[in-house]
Protein backbone atom coordinates (compact mmCIF):
# COMPACT_ATOMS: atom_id res chain seq x y z
CA MET A 1 -0.17 -0.13 -0.05
CA SER A 2 1.42 3.43 -1.29
CA ILE A 3 1.35 6.58 1.12
CA VAL A 4 -1.00 7.93 -1.16
CA SER A 5 -3.64 4.89 -1.04
CA ALA A 6 -3.21 5.32 2.66
CA GLY A 7 -3.82 8.91 2.52
CA LEU A 8 -6.88 8.00 0.55
CA ILE A 9 -8.21 5.43 2.87
CA ILE A 10 -8.17 7.92 5.52
CA VAL A 11 -9.59 11.00 3.77
CA VAL A 12 -12.75 8.61 2.72
CA VAL A 13 -12.80 7.14 6.28
CA THR A 14 -13.08 11.03 7.94
CA ALA A 15 -15.46 12.10 5.22
CA LEU A 16 -17.51 9.03 6.00
CA ALA A 17 -17.47 9.82 10.10
CA VAL A 18 -18.13 13.41 9.90
CA THR A 19 -21.11 12.78 7.26
CA ALA A 20 -22.47 10.47 10.22
CA MET A 21 -21.74 12.75 12.86
CA LEU A 22 -23.97 15.59 10.45
CA LEU A 23 -26.84 13.30 9.66
CA ALA A 24 -26.77 12.38 13.34
CA ARG A 25 -26.96 15.69 14.80
CA ARG A 26 -29.96 16.71 12.47
CA ARG A 27 -32.53 14.73 14.89
CA ALA A 28 -30.08 14.93 18.00
CA PRO A 29 -31.45 16.30 21.00
CA GLU A 30 -29.63 19.45 22.53
CA GLY A 31 -26.91 18.65 24.75
CA SER A 32 -26.61 15.12 22.51
CA HIS A 33 -28.29 11.87 23.80
CA PHE A 34 -27.42 11.55 27.04
CA GLN A 35 -29.30 12.50 30.09
CA ASP A 36 -25.78 12.43 32.05
CA GLY A 37 -22.62 13.75 30.32
CA ASP A 38 -20.54 13.46 32.67
CA ARG A 39 -21.28 9.54 33.09
CA ALA A 40 -21.38 9.33 29.41
CA ALA A 41 -17.90 10.88 29.22
CA GLY A 42 -16.71 8.44 31.87
CA VAL A 43 -17.97 5.35 29.63
CA PHE A 44 -15.91 6.80 26.83
CA GLY A 45 -12.82 6.93 28.72
CA VAL A 46 -12.95 4.05 29.45
CA LEU A 47 -13.66 2.36 25.65
CA ALA A 48 -10.86 4.94 24.54
CA THR A 49 -8.39 3.64 27.25
CA GLY A 50 -8.93 -0.05 26.53
CA PHE A 51 -8.92 0.61 22.82
CA ALA A 52 -5.56 2.90 23.41
CA VAL A 53 -4.04 0.13 26.05
CA LEU A 54 -4.48 -2.76 23.47
CA LEU A 55 -3.32 -0.72 20.62
CA GLY A 56 0.15 0.03 22.16
CA PHE A 57 1.03 -3.27 23.10
CA VAL A 58 0.25 -4.10 19.71
CA VAL A 59 2.42 -1.54 18.24
CA PHE A 60 5.61 -2.22 20.27
CA LEU A 61 4.82 -6.40 19.08
CA ALA A 62 4.37 -5.30 15.12
CA PHE A 63 7.59 -2.69 15.42
CA GLU A 64 9.77 -5.08 17.11
CA SER A 65 8.59 -8.14 14.52
CA TYR A 66 10.02 -4.55 11.55
CA ASP A 67 12.91 -4.42 12.94
CA THR A 68 13.70 -7.82 13.41
CA SER A 69 12.83 -8.10 9.52
CA ARG A 70 15.49 -5.05 9.25
CA SER A 71 17.67 -5.77 10.87
CA GLY A 72 17.62 -10.03 9.88
CA ALA A 73 18.18 -8.68 6.24
CA GLU A 74 21.61 -6.75 7.22
CA VAL A 75 22.64 -9.78 9.08
CA GLU A 76 22.04 -11.80 6.65
CA ALA A 77 24.22 -9.80 3.68
CA GLN A 78 26.51 -9.14 5.96
CA ILE A 79 27.26 -12.91 6.62
CA VAL A 80 27.32 -13.37 3.07
CA THR A 81 30.23 -11.15 2.53
CA GLN A 82 32.33 -12.67 5.48
CA GLN A 83 31.54 -16.59 4.09
CA PHE A 84 33.14 -15.39 0.92
CA GLU A 85 36.25 -14.12 2.53
CA THR A 86 36.55 -17.24 4.04
CA ALA A 87 35.73 -19.19 1.43
CA GLN A 88 39.30 -17.64 -0.02
CA PHE A 89 40.78 -20.09 2.63
CA PHE A 90 39.51 -23.05 0.83
CA PRO A 91 41.42 -25.63 -0.50
CA VAL A 92 41.60 -24.52 -4.79
CA ALA A 93 38.64 -27.03 -5.68
CA ALA A 94 36.32 -25.62 -3.65
CA ARG A 95 37.19 -21.99 -3.31
CA GLY A 96 35.63 -21.46 -6.87
CA PRO A 97 32.51 -23.02 -6.40
CA LEU A 98 31.50 -21.59 -3.05
CA SER A 99 32.36 -17.90 -4.11
CA GLY A 100 30.22 -18.35 -7.00
CA GLU A 101 27.37 -20.08 -5.65
CA LEU A 102 27.21 -17.06 -2.72
CA VAL A 103 27.39 -14.69 -5.57
CA CYS A 104 24.15 -17.04 -6.92
CA TYR A 105 22.36 -16.64 -3.05
CA ALA A 106 22.89 -13.44 -2.86
CA ARG A 107 20.87 -12.68 -6.23
CA ALA A 108 18.64 -15.08 -5.37
CA VAL A 109 17.37 -13.17 -2.20
CA ILE A 110 17.40 -10.12 -4.25
CA HIS A 111 15.00 -11.17 -7.09
CA GLN A 112 13.72 -13.92 -6.07
CA GLU A 113 12.88 -14.15 -2.74
CA TRP A 114 12.10 -10.91 -2.38
CA PRO A 115 9.35 -10.63 -4.60
CA LYS A 116 7.81 -13.55 -2.66
CA MET A 117 8.09 -12.17 0.76
CA GLU A 118 6.17 -9.07 -0.76
CA SER A 119 3.56 -11.25 -2.04
CA GLY A 120 3.84 -13.18 0.82
CA THR A 121 4.29 -16.69 -1.05
CA LEU A 122 7.49 -17.46 0.21
CA GLY A 123 6.46 -19.90 2.81
CA ASP A 124 8.94 -22.68 3.89
CA THR A 125 10.91 -22.83 0.85
CA VAL A 126 14.90 -22.85 1.16
CA ASN A 127 17.45 -20.88 -0.80
CA PRO A 128 18.87 -23.39 -3.67
CA TRP A 129 22.14 -22.09 -3.24
CA GLY A 130 22.49 -22.82 -0.12
CA VAL A 131 21.89 -25.91 -0.27
CA ALA A 132 23.93 -26.18 -3.22
CA THR A 133 26.97 -24.07 -0.98
CA PHE A 134 26.16 -27.22 1.55
CA ARG A 135 26.53 -29.94 -1.08
CA THR A 136 30.10 -28.64 -2.04
CA LEU A 137 31.12 -28.31 1.42
CA LYS A 138 30.61 -31.90 2.30
CA SER A 139 33.09 -32.44 -0.85
CA VAL A 140 35.83 -30.35 0.98
CA GLU A 141 38.92 -32.14 3.00
CA PRO A 142 40.56 -29.35 4.88
CA ARG A 143 44.08 -30.42 5.59
CA SER A 144 46.43 -27.37 6.64
CA ALA A 145 45.57 -25.98 9.57
CA THR A 146 44.46 -22.87 7.82
CA GLU A 147 42.04 -24.56 6.04
CA GLN A 148 40.31 -26.46 9.11
CA ALA A 149 39.93 -22.76 10.39
CA ALA A 150 38.02 -21.73 7.51
CA PHE A 151 36.39 -24.89 7.57
CA ALA A 152 35.24 -24.44 11.10
CA LYS A 153 34.41 -20.63 10.82
CA TRP A 154 32.21 -21.48 7.39
CA LEU A 155 30.20 -23.84 9.66
CA ASP A 156 29.51 -21.33 12.11
CA GLN A 157 28.88 -18.30 9.53
CA ARG A 158 26.33 -20.42 8.01
CA SER A 159 24.83 -21.00 11.23
CA ASP A 160 24.69 -17.67 11.88
CA ARG A 161 22.97 -16.98 8.03
CA GLU A 162 20.32 -19.57 8.50
CA ASP A 163 19.20 -17.65 11.73
CA ALA A 164 19.22 -14.39 9.79
CA ARG A 165 17.42 -15.62 6.85
CA ALA A 166 14.87 -16.84 9.56
CA ASP A 167 14.56 -13.51 10.64
CA ARG A 168 14.26 -11.73 7.52
CA ASN A 169 11.74 -14.24 6.59
CA HIS A 170 9.80 -13.50 10.09
CA GLY A 171 7.66 -10.52 9.02
CA ALA A 172 6.62 -11.90 5.70
CA GLU A 173 3.54 -13.59 7.09
CA GLY A 174 3.06 -11.10 9.56
CA VAL A 175 2.62 -11.43 13.43
CA ILE A 176 -0.86 -9.77 14.39
CA PRO A 177 -3.12 -12.92 14.03
CA VAL A 178 -6.65 -12.47 12.55
CA PRO A 179 -8.46 -12.37 15.72
CA LEU A 180 -6.46 -9.55 17.11
CA TRP A 181 -7.42 -7.58 13.87
CA ILE A 182 -10.99 -8.49 14.61
CA VAL A 183 -10.97 -7.04 17.82
CA LEU A 184 -9.13 -3.93 17.11
CA LEU A 185 -11.60 -2.99 14.29
CA LEU A 186 -14.90 -4.09 16.37
CA SER A 187 -13.14 -1.60 19.30
CA ALA A 188 -12.88 1.02 16.52
CA SER A 189 -16.21 0.51 15.41
CA ILE A 190 -17.40 0.67 18.85
CA ILE A 191 -16.20 3.89 19.86
CA PHE A 192 -17.46 5.66 16.42
CA VAL A 193 -20.80 4.80 17.40
CA PHE A 194 -20.63 5.71 20.94
CA MET A 195 -19.53 8.79 19.65
CA LEU A 196 -22.47 9.56 17.37
CA PHE A 197 -24.83 9.23 20.41
CA PHE A 198 -22.58 12.87 21.39
CA ALA A 199 -24.59 14.59 18.49
CA ASP A 200 -25.95 17.79 19.69
CA SER A 201 -28.10 20.20 17.56
CA GLY A 202 -27.17 23.22 19.58
CA GLU A 203 -23.29 22.66 19.24
CA HIS A 204 -22.37 24.25 15.93
CA ALA A 205 -21.59 21.69 13.02
CA VAL A 206 -17.89 22.46 12.34
CA VAL A 207 -17.34 21.78 16.53
CA GLN A 208 -19.13 18.14 15.68
CA ALA A 209 -17.56 17.38 12.40
CA THR A 210 -14.05 18.38 14.22
CA MET A 211 -14.96 16.20 17.36
CA VAL A 212 -15.84 12.88 15.44
CA GLY A 213 -13.03 13.69 12.35
CA ALA A 214 -10.59 13.96 14.88
CA VAL A 215 -11.00 10.80 16.63
CA ALA A 216 -11.59 8.67 12.72
CA ILE A 217 -8.29 10.31 11.72
CA VAL A 218 -5.88 9.18 14.39
CA ILE A 219 -7.88 5.69 14.45
CA SER A 220 -7.78 4.68 11.20
CA SER A 221 -4.42 6.60 10.47
CA THR A 222 -3.08 4.14 13.60
CA LEU A 223 -4.49 1.29 11.99
CA LEU A 224 -3.06 1.58 9.37
CA LEU A 225 0.35 2.15 10.50
CA LEU A 226 -0.22 -1.66 12.41
CA TRP A 227 -0.17 -2.83 8.89
CA PHE A 228 2.39 -1.32 7.57
CA LEU A 229 4.45 -2.55 10.26
CA ASP A 230 2.86 -6.02 10.03
CA ASN A 231 3.41 -5.99 6.38
CA PRO A 232 7.40 -5.00 5.94
CA TYR A 233 7.95 -5.81 2.97
CA HIS A 234 6.10 -3.68 -0.11
CA GLU A 235 6.91 -1.18 -2.45
CA GLY A 236 6.69 2.40 -1.30
CA ILE A 237 7.93 4.62 1.61
CA GLY A 238 9.42 2.91 4.70
CA GLY A 239 9.14 -0.84 2.78
CA LEU A 240 12.25 -2.73 3.47
CA GLN A 241 14.16 -3.17 0.26
CA PRO A 242 17.13 -5.25 -0.58
CA VAL A 243 19.55 -2.59 -0.57
CA ALA A 244 22.02 -4.76 2.39
CA MET A 245 22.14 -7.64 -0.07
CA GLU A 246 22.30 -5.46 -3.12
CA ARG A 247 25.77 -3.41 -1.41
CA SER A 248 26.76 -6.88 -0.63
CA ILE A 249 27.13 -8.02 -4.17
CA ARG A 250 28.76 -4.99 -5.08
CA ILE A 251 31.46 -5.48 -2.06
CA LEU A 252 31.77 -9.26 -3.66
CA ASP A 253 32.66 -7.96 -7.05
CA GLN A 254 35.26 -5.52 -5.18
CA GLU A 255 36.62 -8.29 -3.29
CA ALA A 256 37.08 -10.85 -6.14
CA ALA A 257 39.16 -8.16 -7.84
CA VAL A 258 41.33 -7.91 -5.29
CA VAL A 259 41.86 -11.32 -4.80
CA GLY A 260 42.52 -11.82 -8.60
CA ASP A 261 40.57 -15.16 -8.85
CA HIS A 262 38.15 -15.71 -11.75
CA PHE A 263 35.40 -17.68 -10.23
CA PRO A 264 32.82 -19.25 -12.75
CA ILE A 265 29.26 -18.00 -11.42
CA PRO A 266 26.59 -20.82 -12.03
CA CYS A 267 23.48 -18.87 -12.18
CA ASN A 268 22.25 -15.41 -14.53
CA ASP A 269 21.76 -12.07 -13.04
CA ARG A 270 18.79 -13.25 -11.47
CA GLY A 271 19.82 -15.90 -9.99
CA GLU A 272 18.23 -18.68 -11.55
CA PRO A 273 20.61 -21.78 -12.46
CA ASN A 274 22.20 -21.74 -16.06
CA THR A 275 21.03 -23.72 -18.89
């Protein structure tokens, strides 16, 4: 959802709320429908406070998930670069294949996994190039102390990379369950309906419209913020993009030029296997 779409939703919701309040105001008695305004205000305060407390916890949960996905993507990209450096200490027979497969891993994340995360269809699929590096690693027989140290380090880095990938994928499916969304929408609807009983034919229309409009703007924008945090992979402002992995690919190109090792890359620019 783009920021323009979100703005249009807020405008439409606010317009509907203001229209409903002005229509209710036409038949409302002076002083609102409540005989005791203080008691009505107290009930409204309980409703609003309960909604605000629930909303605060949910926002915290959603932001934590958003931040976990963001940091997971950055850590994964950093570890790919570190694994490329570690691969340079492997035996010559495995050094080139591992380096090329890491490049393909990064390309697959950008061009294959990211679109699936945006559409919510990634599921439990694995990165095929992660499997390919594991197969190549099984054929490695480290002999020198340097090769043995690099082999052990690679295994640690692989575990860390998979953990970071899991964190990245965590936010793709959303963390706010459907029942919680139902409760939030139901609570927002109750608050809106309750406000209509404050319609007062003796009060100026602008005041009534401003009162319900302000509440509609705050509630609708906050719910949209929750949707944004619960769906971090999307186009537009604030959406998570594979910037870190794209940066890692550029770093890998630079490091490959420094080490002077020309290795085959078994995939195209989109991370698909060469035919």
